[in-house]
Amino acid sequence: MTTISSAFSVIDSHTAGHPTRVILSGVPQLAGSSVRDKRDHFRQRFDHLRPALLHEPRGHAAMVGLVPVASDVADYGAFFISSYVYLDMCGHGTIGFARTLAFTGQISAETGDSFTLETPAGIVTVHLIWNEHGSLDRVRIANVPSYVGLEHLSVVVEELGAVDAAIVYAGMWYALVDAAPLGLELVPDSASTLMRAGARIKDAIKAATQDMPLFAGAAAPSVLFYDADSENSATHFLVLESNKFDRSPCGTGTSARLTFLLEKGLIGPDQTYHARNILGIPFEARLQQRVRAEGRDAMIVEIEGAAFITSTQTIFFEKGDPLSQGFLCR
């Protein structure tokens, strides 16, 4: 006879290959007046649920979770959890959440073509593109304001030499690194090589920026390798950790890349930026408007992509399971 100690209802989707696990039930009541407050309460009291639900044997290193919560200022609220850090904003996860809401019937072509979502980084507007059959075809997110933190940072990295990066905020911090000068090829067979290189660059950038007030309290910038084939088209590969990369082109990372191109005048304000992952699946990004944020010139960038449901399931934890807390191997 099995004895189940707890159960969590989840729906999994993928956005251009990267997973989003929406956790529908099982999370205790969270205190706080904002989504950020509730996220912080979860982190302080219930962080053990993050590896349990995302790591092996019930997940894997690349799994991203989304916890829906009530919002007083938007139509919906949600925060994002991952293998190693809490994400203030997640583009692919937001697209996956919209697809999940459509799958469960909470939104439809009849309910409207947009909703607002409160995230720890702020409120985003999620535009819904329905096809002629009434199914959700694509999702376009008006992201939180993005801005350039450092136009140029050079670090020396073992085996790579001098690496140049721009550091851009788009809900999370990103280090934008041109892969071509480093001899790195953005293809599936190079994923392990790219993760190792990106992790070394991330460590070097963390060391170089850790005392800068701009980055105080923030997670180290993830490394977005890009390989541009034109002014408005590039392949992306985002390194999160030495054993984790974003399978999608990265929604907020794409926002960061377009923000930098616009800031430097390398792309026109009316142009669409095309970012694709190493599998050739695209995101599109466009400038919606220029704003001020954190005392800086900033931009609202719209990111467009599609997500697909992969499973609905109940995750069980059985008494006596020695791996109920989850595990990851690097």
C-alpha atoms as a PDB file:
ATOM      1  CA  MET A   1       0.000   0.000   0.000  1.00  0.00           C
ATOM      2  CA  THR A   2       1.398   3.389  -1.016  1.00  0.00           C
ATOM      3  CA  THR A   3       1.157   6.372   1.301  1.00  0.00           C
ATOM      4  CA  ILE A   4       1.060   9.777  -0.407  1.00  0.00           C
ATOM      5  CA  SER A   5       2.196  12.630   1.790  1.00  0.00           C
ATOM      6  CA  SER A   6       1.446  15.477  -0.629  1.00  0.00           C
ATOM      7  CA  ALA A   7       0.295  16.117  -4.191  1.00  0.00           C
ATOM      8  CA  PHE A   8       0.623  19.016  -6.643  1.00  0.00           C
ATOM      9  CA  SER A   9      -1.463  19.533  -9.761  1.00  0.00           C
ATOM     10  CA  VAL A  10       0.610  20.965 -12.619  1.00  0.00           C
ATOM     11  CA  ILE A  11       0.360  21.683 -16.324  1.00  0.00           C
ATOM     12  CA  ASP A  12       3.540  21.605 -18.405  1.00  0.00           C
ATOM     13  CA  SER A  13       4.119  23.457 -21.649  1.00  0.00           C
ATOM     14  CA  HIS A  14       7.085  24.405 -23.771  1.00  0.00           C
ATOM     15  CA  THR A  15       7.846  27.728 -25.417  1.00  0.00           C
ATOM     16  CA  ALA A  16      10.254  27.204 -28.330  1.00  0.00           C
ATOM     17  CA  GLY A  17      11.508  24.129 -26.497  1.00  0.00           C
ATOM     18  CA  HIS A  18      11.899  25.522 -22.996  1.00  0.00           C
ATOM     19  CA  PRO A  19       9.536  24.185 -20.302  1.00  0.00           C
ATOM     20  CA  THR A  20       7.111  26.009 -18.051  1.00  0.00           C
ATOM     21  CA  ARG A  21       5.502  24.072 -15.208  1.00  0.00           C
ATOM     22  CA  VAL A  22       2.437  25.942 -13.928  1.00  0.00           C
ATOM     23  CA  ILE A  23       1.765  24.784 -10.371  1.00  0.00           C
ATOM     24  CA  LEU A  24      -2.004  24.886  -9.929  1.00  0.00           C
ATOM     25  CA  SER A  25      -2.426  23.383  -6.470  1.00  0.00           C
ATOM     26  CA  GLY A  26      -0.459  22.262  -3.445  1.00  0.00           C
ATOM     27  CA  VAL A  27       1.391  25.509  -2.666  1.00  0.00           C
ATOM     28  CA  PRO A  28       0.467  26.849   0.819  1.00  0.00           C
ATOM     29  CA  GLN A  29      -1.265  30.202   1.228  1.00  0.00           C
ATOM     30  CA  LEU A  30       1.247  33.004   0.739  1.00  0.00           C
ATOM     31  CA  ALA A  31       1.207  36.302   2.624  1.00  0.00           C
ATOM     32  CA  GLY A  32       1.845  39.715   1.126  1.00  0.00           C
ATOM     33  CA  SER A  33       0.176  42.634  -0.618  1.00  0.00           C
ATOM     34  CA  SER A  34       2.124  42.240  -3.880  1.00  0.00           C
ATOM     35  CA  VAL A  35       3.350  39.397  -6.049  1.00  0.00           C
ATOM     36  CA  ARG A  36       6.896  40.238  -4.996  1.00  0.00           C
ATOM     37  CA  ASP A  37       5.880  39.965  -1.321  1.00  0.00           C
ATOM     38  CA  LYS A  38       4.277  36.580  -1.955  1.00  0.00           C
ATOM     39  CA  ARG A  39       7.316  35.400  -3.882  1.00  0.00           C
ATOM     40  CA  ASP A  40       9.548  36.454  -1.009  1.00  0.00           C
ATOM     41  CA  HIS A  41       7.305  34.626   1.482  1.00  0.00           C
ATOM     42  CA  PHE A  42       7.554  31.480  -0.642  1.00  0.00           C
ATOM     43  CA  ARG A  43      11.347  31.832  -0.786  1.00  0.00           C
ATOM     44  CA  GLN A  44      11.627  32.309   2.963  1.00  0.00           C
ATOM     45  CA  ARG A  45       9.226  29.576   4.093  1.00  0.00           C
ATOM     46  CA  PHE A  46       8.675  27.134   1.256  1.00  0.00           C
ATOM     47  CA  ASP A  47      11.853  27.120  -0.837  1.00  0.00           C
ATOM     48  CA  HIS A  48      12.107  23.348  -0.303  1.00  0.00           C
ATOM     49  CA  LEU A  49       9.202  22.990  -2.759  1.00  0.00           C
ATOM     50  CA  ARG A  50      11.252  24.524  -5.562  1.00  0.00           C
ATOM     51  CA  PRO A  51      13.841  21.699  -5.890  1.00  0.00           C
ATOM     52  CA  ALA A  52      11.217  19.103  -5.014  1.00  0.00           C
ATOM     53  CA  LEU A  53       8.985  20.151  -7.916  1.00  0.00           C
ATOM     54  CA  LEU A  54      11.620  21.170 -10.459  1.00  0.00           C
ATOM     55  CA  HIS A  55      14.655  18.935  -9.923  1.00  0.00           C
ATOM     56  CA  GLU A  56      15.048  15.254 -10.685  1.00  0.00           C
ATOM     57  CA  PRO A  57      13.362  12.793 -10.373  1.00  0.00           C
ATOM     58  CA  ARG A  58      10.223  14.886 -11.046  1.00  0.00           C
ATOM     59  CA  GLY A  59      11.908  17.484 -13.218  1.00  0.00           C
ATOM     60  CA  HIS A  60      15.354  18.399 -14.525  1.00  0.00           C
ATOM     61  CA  ALA A  61      17.949  21.169 -14.444  1.00  0.00           C
ATOM     62  CA  ALA A  62      16.233  23.276 -17.103  1.00  0.00           C
ATOM     63  CA  MET A  63      12.723  23.159 -15.609  1.00  0.00           C
ATOM     64  CA  VAL A  64      11.091  26.505 -14.846  1.00  0.00           C
ATOM     65  CA  GLY A  65       8.079  26.730 -12.575  1.00  0.00           C
ATOM     66  CA  LEU A  66       5.357  29.356 -12.397  1.00  0.00           C
ATOM     67  CA  VAL A  67       3.252  29.889  -9.271  1.00  0.00           C
ATOM     68  CA  PRO A  68      -0.029  31.741  -9.920  1.00  0.00           C
ATOM     69  CA  VAL A  69      -1.098  34.084  -7.107  1.00  0.00           C
ATOM     70  CA  ALA A  70      -3.804  36.712  -6.700  1.00  0.00           C
ATOM     71  CA  SER A  71      -3.005  40.284  -7.707  1.00  0.00           C
ATOM     72  CA  ASP A  72      -4.587  43.485  -6.449  1.00  0.00           C
ATOM     73  CA  VAL A  73      -3.336  45.528  -9.406  1.00  0.00           C
ATOM     74  CA  ALA A  74      -3.549  43.228 -12.448  1.00  0.00           C
ATOM     75  CA  ASP A  75      -5.811  40.585 -13.926  1.00  0.00           C
ATOM     76  CA  TYR A  76      -3.432  37.829 -12.836  1.00  0.00           C
ATOM     77  CA  GLY A  77      -0.339  37.462 -10.699  1.00  0.00           C
ATOM     78  CA  ALA A  78       2.520  34.980 -10.929  1.00  0.00           C
ATOM     79  CA  PHE A  79       6.118  34.462  -9.900  1.00  0.00           C
ATOM     80  CA  PHE A  80       8.783  32.286 -11.452  1.00  0.00           C
ATOM     81  CA  ILE A  81      11.016  29.669  -9.858  1.00  0.00           C
ATOM     82  CA  SER A  82      13.955  27.833 -11.410  1.00  0.00           C
ATOM     83  CA  SER A  83      16.651  25.340 -10.539  1.00  0.00           C
ATOM     84  CA  TYR A  84      19.007  27.872  -8.970  1.00  0.00           C
ATOM     85  CA  VAL A  85      17.425  31.316  -8.693  1.00  0.00           C
ATOM     86  CA  TYR A  86      14.134  33.145  -8.526  1.00  0.00           C
ATOM     87  CA  LEU A  87      13.343  35.028 -11.724  1.00  0.00           C
ATOM     88  CA  ASP A  88      11.817  38.493 -11.428  1.00  0.00           C
ATOM     89  CA  MET A  89      10.468  38.187 -14.962  1.00  0.00           C
ATOM     90  CA  CYS A  90      10.380  35.361 -17.512  1.00  0.00           C
ATOM     91  CA  GLY A  91       9.243  35.874 -21.098  1.00  0.00           C
ATOM     92  CA  HIS A  92       8.959  32.253 -22.166  1.00  0.00           C
ATOM     93  CA  GLY A  93       7.209  31.423 -18.879  1.00  0.00           C
ATOM     94  CA  THR A  94       4.653  34.191 -19.399  1.00  0.00           C
ATOM     95  CA  ILE A  95       3.907  32.866 -22.886  1.00  0.00           C
ATOM     96  CA  GLY A  96       3.542  29.383 -21.380  1.00  0.00           C
ATOM     97  CA  PHE A  97       1.208  30.731 -18.690  1.00  0.00           C
ATOM     98  CA  ALA A  98      -1.039  32.340 -21.314  1.00  0.00           C
ATOM     99  CA  ARG A  99      -1.167  29.050 -23.210  1.00  0.00           C
ATOM    100  CA  THR A 100      -2.066  27.234 -19.977  1.00  0.00           C
ATOM    101  CA  LEU A 101      -4.867  29.700 -19.216  1.00  0.00           C
ATOM    102  CA  ALA A 102      -6.257  29.101 -22.702  1.00  0.00           C
ATOM    103  CA  PHE A 103      -5.926  25.336 -22.307  1.00  0.00           C
ATOM    104  CA  THR A 104      -7.900  25.372 -19.051  1.00  0.00           C
ATOM    105  CA  GLY A 105     -10.555  27.697 -20.475  1.00  0.00           C
ATOM    106  CA  GLN A 106      -9.795  30.602 -18.160  1.00  0.00           C
ATOM    107  CA  ILE A 107      -9.250  32.789 -21.204  1.00  0.00           C
ATOM    108  CA  SER A 108     -10.682  32.467 -24.706  1.00  0.00           C
ATOM    109  CA  ALA A 109     -11.279  34.464 -27.857  1.00  0.00           C
ATOM    110  CA  GLU A 110     -14.571  35.542 -26.281  1.00  0.00           C
ATOM    111  CA  THR A 111     -12.973  36.882 -23.088  1.00  0.00           C
ATOM    112  CA  GLY A 112     -10.673  39.295 -24.908  1.00  0.00           C
ATOM    113  CA  ASP A 113      -7.375  39.801 -26.639  1.00  0.00           C
ATOM    114  CA  SER A 114      -5.183  40.785 -23.686  1.00  0.00           C
ATOM    115  CA  PHE A 115      -4.701  40.611 -19.943  1.00  0.00           C
ATOM    116  CA  THR A 116      -2.337  42.158 -17.423  1.00  0.00           C
ATOM    117  CA  LEU A 117       0.040  40.110 -15.301  1.00  0.00           C
ATOM    118  CA  GLU A 118       1.755  41.280 -12.124  1.00  0.00           C
ATOM    119  CA  THR A 119       5.247  39.784 -11.791  1.00  0.00           C
ATOM    120  CA  PRO A 120       7.987  40.537  -9.250  1.00  0.00           C
ATOM    121  CA  ALA A 121       9.558  42.837 -11.868  1.00  0.00           C
ATOM    122  CA  GLY A 122       6.337  44.756 -12.460  1.00  0.00           C
ATOM    123  CA  ILE A 123       3.152  44.582 -14.516  1.00  0.00           C
ATOM    124  CA  VAL A 124       3.307  43.311 -18.084  1.00  0.00           C
ATOM    125  CA  THR A 125       0.552  43.309 -20.686  1.00  0.00           C
ATOM    126  CA  VAL A 126      -0.013  39.990 -22.432  1.00  0.00           C
ATOM    127  CA  HIS A 127      -1.600  40.262 -25.885  1.00  0.00           C
ATOM    128  CA  LEU A 128      -3.359  37.181 -27.228  1.00  0.00           C
ATOM    129  CA  ILE A 129      -3.414  36.302 -30.919  1.00  0.00           C
ATOM    130  CA  TRP A 130      -6.295  33.892 -31.640  1.00  0.00           C
ATOM    131  CA  ASN A 131      -6.603  31.948 -34.886  1.00  0.00           C
ATOM    132  CA  GLU A 132      -9.752  31.561 -36.965  1.00  0.00           C
ATOM    133  CA  HIS A 133     -10.710  28.443 -35.007  1.00  0.00           C
ATOM    134  CA  GLY A 134     -10.647  30.291 -31.678  1.00  0.00           C
ATOM    135  CA  SER A 135      -7.393  28.676 -30.504  1.00  0.00           C
ATOM    136  CA  LEU A 136      -4.521  30.674 -29.064  1.00  0.00           C
ATOM    137  CA  ASP A 137      -1.953  30.947 -31.838  1.00  0.00           C
ATOM    138  CA  ARG A 138       0.691  33.294 -30.481  1.00  0.00           C
ATOM    139  CA  VAL A 139       1.356  35.537 -27.494  1.00  0.00           C
ATOM    140  CA  ARG A 140       2.908  39.016 -27.498  1.00  0.00           C
ATOM    141  CA  ILE A 141       4.199  40.443 -24.210  1.00  0.00           C
ATOM    142  CA  ALA A 142       4.776  44.131 -23.545  1.00  0.00           C
ATOM    143  CA  ASN A 143       7.712  43.655 -21.181  1.00  0.00           C
ATOM    144  CA  VAL A 144       8.770  45.755 -18.199  1.00  0.00           C
ATOM    145  CA  PRO A 145      11.090  48.666 -19.101  1.00  0.00           C
ATOM    146  CA  SER A 146      14.488  47.616 -20.449  1.00  0.00           C
ATOM    147  CA  TYR A 147      17.650  49.695 -20.311  1.00  0.00           C
ATOM    148  CA  VAL A 148      21.386  49.459 -20.850  1.00  0.00           C
ATOM    149  CA  GLY A 149      23.365  49.194 -17.614  1.00  0.00           C
ATOM    150  CA  LEU A 150      26.865  49.002 -19.073  1.00  0.00           C
ATOM    151  CA  GLU A 151      27.528  49.569 -22.765  1.00  0.00           C
ATOM    152  CA  HIS A 152      30.864  47.802 -22.565  1.00  0.00           C
ATOM    153  CA  LEU A 153      32.523  45.497 -20.074  1.00  0.00           C
ATOM    154  CA  SER A 154      35.662  43.511 -20.815  1.00  0.00           C
ATOM    155  CA  VAL A 155      36.681  40.500 -18.748  1.00  0.00           C
ATOM    156  CA  VAL A 156      39.481  37.989 -19.176  1.00  0.00           C
ATOM    157  CA  VAL A 157      38.296  34.391 -19.157  1.00  0.00           C
ATOM    158  CA  GLU A 158      40.409  31.259 -19.073  1.00  0.00           C
ATOM    159  CA  GLU A 159      40.689  29.569 -22.475  1.00  0.00           C
ATOM    160  CA  LEU A 160      38.710  32.386 -24.117  1.00  0.00           C
ATOM    161  CA  GLY A 161      40.886  35.438 -23.486  1.00  0.00           C
ATOM    162  CA  ALA A 162      39.308  38.886 -23.469  1.00  0.00           C
ATOM    163  CA  VAL A 163      35.530  38.784 -23.659  1.00  0.00           C
ATOM    164  CA  ASP A 164      33.496  41.913 -24.386  1.00  0.00           C
ATOM    165  CA  ALA A 165      29.923  42.222 -23.150  1.00  0.00           C
ATOM    166  CA  ALA A 166      27.123  44.726 -22.814  1.00  0.00           C
ATOM    167  CA  ILE A 167      25.026  44.437 -19.632  1.00  0.00           C
ATOM    168  CA  VAL A 168      21.316  45.135 -20.164  1.00  0.00           C
ATOM    169  CA  TYR A 169      18.289  44.924 -17.860  1.00  0.00           C
ATOM    170  CA  ALA A 170      15.006  43.574 -19.224  1.00  0.00           C
ATOM    171  CA  GLY A 171      13.331  42.190 -16.122  1.00  0.00           C
ATOM    172  CA  MET A 172      16.553  40.302 -15.401  1.00  0.00           C
ATOM    173  CA  TRP A 173      20.167  41.276 -16.123  1.00  0.00           C
ATOM    174  CA  TYR A 174      21.834  39.895 -19.255  1.00  0.00           C
ATOM    175  CA  ALA A 175      25.388  39.960 -20.557  1.00  0.00           C
ATOM    176  CA  LEU A 176      25.249  40.165 -24.351  1.00  0.00           C
ATOM    177  CA  VAL A 177      28.252  38.423 -25.915  1.00  0.00           C
ATOM    178  CA  ASP A 178      29.022  38.036 -29.618  1.00  0.00           C
ATOM    179  CA  ALA A 179      29.865  34.363 -30.145  1.00  0.00           C
ATOM    180  CA  ALA A 180      31.747  34.749 -33.446  1.00  0.00           C
ATOM    181  CA  PRO A 181      34.927  36.474 -32.144  1.00  0.00           C
ATOM    182  CA  LEU A 182      35.244  33.701 -29.546  1.00  0.00           C
ATOM    183  CA  GLY A 183      35.050  30.976 -32.179  1.00  0.00           C
ATOM    184  CA  LEU A 184      31.827  29.612 -30.689  1.00  0.00           C
ATOM    185  CA  GLU A 185      29.221  28.079 -32.965  1.00  0.00           C
ATOM    186  CA  LEU A 186      25.582  28.296 -31.866  1.00  0.00           C
ATOM    187  CA  VAL A 187      24.374  24.849 -32.877  1.00  0.00           C
ATOM    188  CA  PRO A 188      22.854  21.933 -30.917  1.00  0.00           C
ATOM    189  CA  ASP A 189      26.056  19.877 -30.988  1.00  0.00           C
ATOM    190  CA  SER A 190      27.916  22.719 -29.232  1.00  0.00           C
ATOM    191  CA  ALA A 191      25.506  23.053 -26.288  1.00  0.00           C
ATOM    192  CA  SER A 192      27.882  21.558 -23.700  1.00  0.00           C
ATOM    193  CA  THR A 193      30.805  23.672 -24.936  1.00  0.00           C
ATOM    194  CA  LEU A 194      28.657  26.800 -24.873  1.00  0.00           C
ATOM    195  CA  MET A 195      27.409  26.129 -21.343  1.00  0.00           C
ATOM    196  CA  ARG A 196      30.958  25.703 -20.044  1.00  0.00           C
ATOM    197  CA  ALA A 197      32.133  28.867 -21.784  1.00  0.00           C
ATOM    198  CA  GLY A 198      29.100  30.842 -20.684  1.00  0.00           C
ATOM    199  CA  ALA A 199      29.467  29.734 -17.074  1.00  0.00           C
ATOM    200  CA  ARG A 200      33.084  30.914 -17.003  1.00  0.00           C
ATOM    201  CA  ILE A 201      32.093  34.250 -18.516  1.00  0.00           C
ATOM    202  CA  LYS A 202      29.242  34.595 -16.020  1.00  0.00           C
ATOM    203  CA  ASP A 203      31.620  34.015 -13.101  1.00  0.00           C
ATOM    204  CA  ALA A 204      34.042  36.615 -14.470  1.00  0.00           C
ATOM    205  CA  ILE A 205      31.295  39.186 -14.974  1.00  0.00           C
ATOM    206  CA  LYS A 206      29.912  38.513 -11.494  1.00  0.00           C
ATOM    207  CA  ALA A 207      33.331  39.188 -10.004  1.00  0.00           C
ATOM    208  CA  ALA A 208      33.735  42.371 -12.052  1.00  0.00           C
ATOM    209  CA  THR A 209      30.312  43.804 -11.195  1.00  0.00           C
ATOM    210  CA  GLN A 210      29.613  42.584  -7.663  1.00  0.00           C
ATOM    211  CA  ASP A 211      30.668  45.866  -6.047  1.00  0.00           C
ATOM    212  CA  MET A 212      28.796  48.078  -8.501  1.00  0.00           C
ATOM    213  CA  PRO A 213      25.694  49.669  -6.896  1.00  0.00           C
ATOM    214  CA  LEU A 214      23.706  49.103 -10.098  1.00  0.00           C
ATOM    215  CA  PHE A 215      23.765  45.335  -9.530  1.00  0.00           C
ATOM    216  CA  ALA A 216      23.359  45.279  -5.754  1.00  0.00           C
ATOM    217  CA  GLY A 217      21.110  42.440  -4.661  1.00  0.00           C
ATOM    218  CA  ALA A 218      20.580  41.172  -8.210  1.00  0.00           C
ATOM    219  CA  ALA A 219      21.413  37.746  -9.576  1.00  0.00           C
ATOM    220  CA  ALA A 220      24.541  37.640 -11.721  1.00  0.00           C
ATOM    221  CA  PRO A 221      23.780  38.434 -15.363  1.00  0.00           C
ATOM    222  CA  SER A 222      23.146  35.359 -17.474  1.00  0.00           C
ATOM    223  CA  VAL A 223      25.200  35.181 -20.661  1.00  0.00           C
ATOM    224  CA  LEU A 224      23.302  35.622 -23.914  1.00  0.00           C
ATOM    225  CA  PHE A 225      25.489  34.491 -26.790  1.00  0.00           C
ATOM    226  CA  TYR A 226      24.309  35.846 -30.128  1.00  0.00           C
ATOM    227  CA  ASP A 227      25.382  35.231 -33.706  1.00  0.00           C
ATOM    228  CA  ALA A 228      23.932  37.881 -36.006  1.00  0.00           C
ATOM    229  CA  ASP A 229      23.372  37.259 -39.696  1.00  0.00           C
ATOM    230  CA  SER A 230      21.932  40.742 -40.286  1.00  0.00           C
ATOM    231  CA  GLU A 231      21.192  43.899 -38.339  1.00  0.00           C
ATOM    232  CA  ASN A 232      17.805  42.570 -37.223  1.00  0.00           C
ATOM    233  CA  SER A 233      18.284  38.794 -37.131  1.00  0.00           C
ATOM    234  CA  ALA A 234      20.393  36.551 -34.902  1.00  0.00           C
ATOM    235  CA  THR A 235      20.650  33.150 -33.263  1.00  0.00           C
ATOM    236  CA  HIS A 236      20.559  33.224 -29.449  1.00  0.00           C
ATOM    237  CA  PHE A 237      21.917  30.823 -26.839  1.00  0.00           C
ATOM    238  CA  LEU A 238      21.375  31.833 -23.229  1.00  0.00           C
ATOM    239  CA  VAL A 239      23.635  30.224 -20.615  1.00  0.00           C
ATOM    240  CA  LEU A 240      22.067  30.115 -17.160  1.00  0.00           C
ATOM    241  CA  GLU A 241      24.482  27.757 -15.413  1.00  0.00           C
ATOM    242  CA  SER A 242      27.181  25.265 -16.370  1.00  0.00           C
ATOM    243  CA  ASN A 243      24.479  22.615 -16.799  1.00  0.00           C
ATOM    244  CA  LYS A 244      21.532  24.767 -17.860  1.00  0.00           C
ATOM    245  CA  PHE A 245      20.671  26.787 -20.947  1.00  0.00           C
ATOM    246  CA  ASP A 246      17.464  28.352 -22.194  1.00  0.00           C
ATOM    247  CA  ARG A 247      16.103  26.272 -25.045  1.00  0.00           C
ATOM    248  CA  SER A 248      14.069  29.238 -26.298  1.00  0.00           C
ATOM    249  CA  PRO A 249      15.658  32.400 -27.738  1.00  0.00           C
ATOM    250  CA  CYS A 250      14.829  33.877 -24.267  1.00  0.00           C
ATOM    251  CA  GLY A 251      12.034  36.406 -24.180  1.00  0.00           C
ATOM    252  CA  THR A 252      13.536  38.895 -21.740  1.00  0.00           C
ATOM    253  CA  GLY A 253      16.985  38.276 -23.258  1.00  0.00           C
ATOM    254  CA  THR A 254      15.576  39.126 -26.674  1.00  0.00           C
ATOM    255  CA  SER A 255      14.151  42.298 -25.149  1.00  0.00           C
ATOM    256  CA  ALA A 256      17.621  43.118 -23.799  1.00  0.00           C
ATOM    257  CA  ARG A 257      19.291  42.532 -27.160  1.00  0.00           C
ATOM    258  CA  LEU A 258      16.823  44.726 -29.045  1.00  0.00           C
ATOM    259  CA  THR A 259      17.133  47.426 -26.392  1.00  0.00           C
ATOM    260  CA  PHE A 260      20.902  47.524 -26.896  1.00  0.00           C
ATOM    261  CA  LEU A 261      20.579  47.633 -30.696  1.00  0.00           C
ATOM    262  CA  LEU A 262      18.111  50.505 -30.456  1.00  0.00           C
ATOM    263  CA  GLU A 263      20.211  52.378 -27.898  1.00  0.00           C
ATOM    264  CA  LYS A 264      23.264  52.179 -30.184  1.00  0.00           C
ATOM    265  CA  GLY A 265      21.295  53.094 -33.309  1.00  0.00           C
ATOM    266  CA  LEU A 266      22.114  49.749 -34.929  1.00  0.00           C
ATOM    267  CA  ILE A 267      18.468  49.041 -35.751  1.00  0.00           C
ATOM    268  CA  GLY A 268      15.592  51.347 -36.613  1.00  0.00           C
ATOM    269  CA  PRO A 269      12.703  51.938 -34.168  1.00  0.00           C
ATOM    270  CA  ASP A 270      10.203  50.564 -36.691  1.00  0.00           C
ATOM    271  CA  GLN A 271      12.125  47.373 -37.447  1.00  0.00           C
ATOM    272  CA  THR A 272      11.195  43.925 -36.166  1.00  0.00           C
ATOM    273  CA  TYR A 273      14.011  41.962 -34.537  1.00  0.00           C
ATOM    274  CA  HIS A 274      14.068  38.215 -35.245  1.00  0.00           C
ATOM    275  CA  ALA A 275      15.727  36.000 -32.629  1.00  0.00           C
ATOM    276  CA  ARG A 276      15.852  32.238 -33.060  1.00  0.00           C
ATOM    277  CA  ASN A 277      17.122  29.438 -30.872  1.00  0.00           C
ATOM    278  CA  ILE A 278      19.601  26.758 -31.935  1.00  0.00           C
ATOM    279  CA  LEU A 279      16.629  24.703 -33.167  1.00  0.00           C
ATOM    280  CA  GLY A 280      15.605  27.484 -35.540  1.00  0.00           C
ATOM    281  CA  ILE A 281      12.418  28.440 -33.673  1.00  0.00           C
ATOM    282  CA  PRO A 282      11.871  32.218 -33.655  1.00  0.00           C
ATOM    283  CA  PHE A 283      10.778  34.974 -31.337  1.00  0.00           C
ATOM    284  CA  GLU A 284       9.983  38.413 -32.705  1.00  0.00           C
ATOM    285  CA  ALA A 285      10.575  41.672 -30.858  1.00  0.00           C
ATOM    286  CA  ARG A 286       9.529  45.252 -31.524  1.00  0.00           C
ATOM    287  CA  LEU A 287       9.829  48.594 -29.798  1.00  0.00           C
ATOM    288  CA  GLN A 288       6.509  49.674 -28.342  1.00  0.00           C
ATOM    289  CA  GLN A 289       7.572  52.948 -26.732  1.00  0.00           C
ATOM    290  CA  ARG A 290      10.421  54.793 -25.066  1.00  0.00           C
ATOM    291  CA  VAL A 291      10.011  55.560 -21.361  1.00  0.00           C
ATOM    292  CA  ARG A 292      12.004  56.525 -18.269  1.00  0.00           C
ATOM    293  CA  ALA A 293      12.797  53.920 -15.626  1.00  0.00           C
ATOM    294  CA  GLU A 294      15.177  53.985 -12.669  1.00  0.00           C
ATOM    295  CA  GLY A 295      16.260  57.466 -13.761  1.00  0.00           C
ATOM    296  CA  ARG A 296      17.360  56.161 -17.167  1.00  0.00           C
ATOM    297  CA  ASP A 297      16.141  56.185 -20.722  1.00  0.00           C
ATOM    298  CA  ALA A 298      14.359  52.873 -21.172  1.00  0.00           C
ATOM    299  CA  MET A 299      12.212  50.999 -23.648  1.00  0.00           C
ATOM    300  CA  ILE A 300       9.083  48.896 -23.583  1.00  0.00           C
ATOM    301  CA  VAL A 301       9.782  45.980 -25.912  1.00  0.00           C
ATOM    302  CA  GLU A 302       7.155  43.544 -27.138  1.00  0.00           C
ATOM    303  CA  ILE A 303       8.219  39.892 -27.473  1.00  0.00           C
ATOM    304  CA  GLU A 304       6.144  37.461 -29.517  1.00  0.00           C
ATOM    305  CA  GLY A 305       6.220  33.664 -29.507  1.00  0.00           C
ATOM    306  CA  ALA A 306       4.153  30.510 -29.134  1.00  0.00           C
ATOM    307  CA  ALA A 307       3.809  27.798 -26.494  1.00  0.00           C
ATOM    308  CA  PHE A 308       2.410  24.278 -26.588  1.00  0.00           C
ATOM    309  CA  ILE A 309       0.929  22.076 -23.870  1.00  0.00           C
ATOM    310  CA  THR A 310       2.975  18.941 -23.191  1.00  0.00           C
ATOM    311  CA  SER A 311       1.238  17.328 -20.203  1.00  0.00           C
ATOM    312  CA  THR A 312      -1.163  17.608 -17.320  1.00  0.00           C
ATOM    313  CA  GLN A 313      -0.196  15.654 -14.242  1.00  0.00           C
ATOM    314  CA  THR A 314      -0.341  15.262 -10.513  1.00  0.00           C
ATOM    315  CA  ILE A 315       3.066  15.180  -8.867  1.00  0.00           C
ATOM    316  CA  PHE A 316       3.068  12.901  -5.845  1.00  0.00           C
ATOM    317  CA  PHE A 317       5.391  12.692  -2.867  1.00  0.00           C
ATOM    318  CA  GLU A 318       5.278   9.356  -1.095  1.00  0.00           C
ATOM    319  CA  LYS A 319       6.320   8.909   2.516  1.00  0.00           C
ATOM    320  CA  GLY A 320       9.746   7.316   2.796  1.00  0.00           C
ATOM    321  CA  ASP A 321      10.952   8.493  -0.618  1.00  0.00           C
ATOM    322  CA  PRO A 322      14.668   9.324  -0.044  1.00  0.00           C
ATOM    323  CA  LEU A 323      14.657  11.664  -3.051  1.00  0.00           C
ATOM    324  CA  SER A 324      11.561  13.688  -2.207  1.00  0.00           C
ATOM    325  CA  GLN A 325      13.688  16.830  -1.888  1.00  0.00           C
ATOM    326  CA  GLY A 326      14.952  16.467  -5.464  1.00  0.00           C
ATOM    327  CA  PHE A 327      18.504  16.360  -6.782  1.00  0.00           C
ATOM    328  CA  LEU A 328      20.641  17.750  -9.571  1.00  0.00           C
ATOM    329  CA  CYS A 329      23.928  16.429 -10.920  1.00  0.00           C
ATOM    330  CA  ARG A 330      26.256  18.748 -12.772  1.00  0.00           C
END
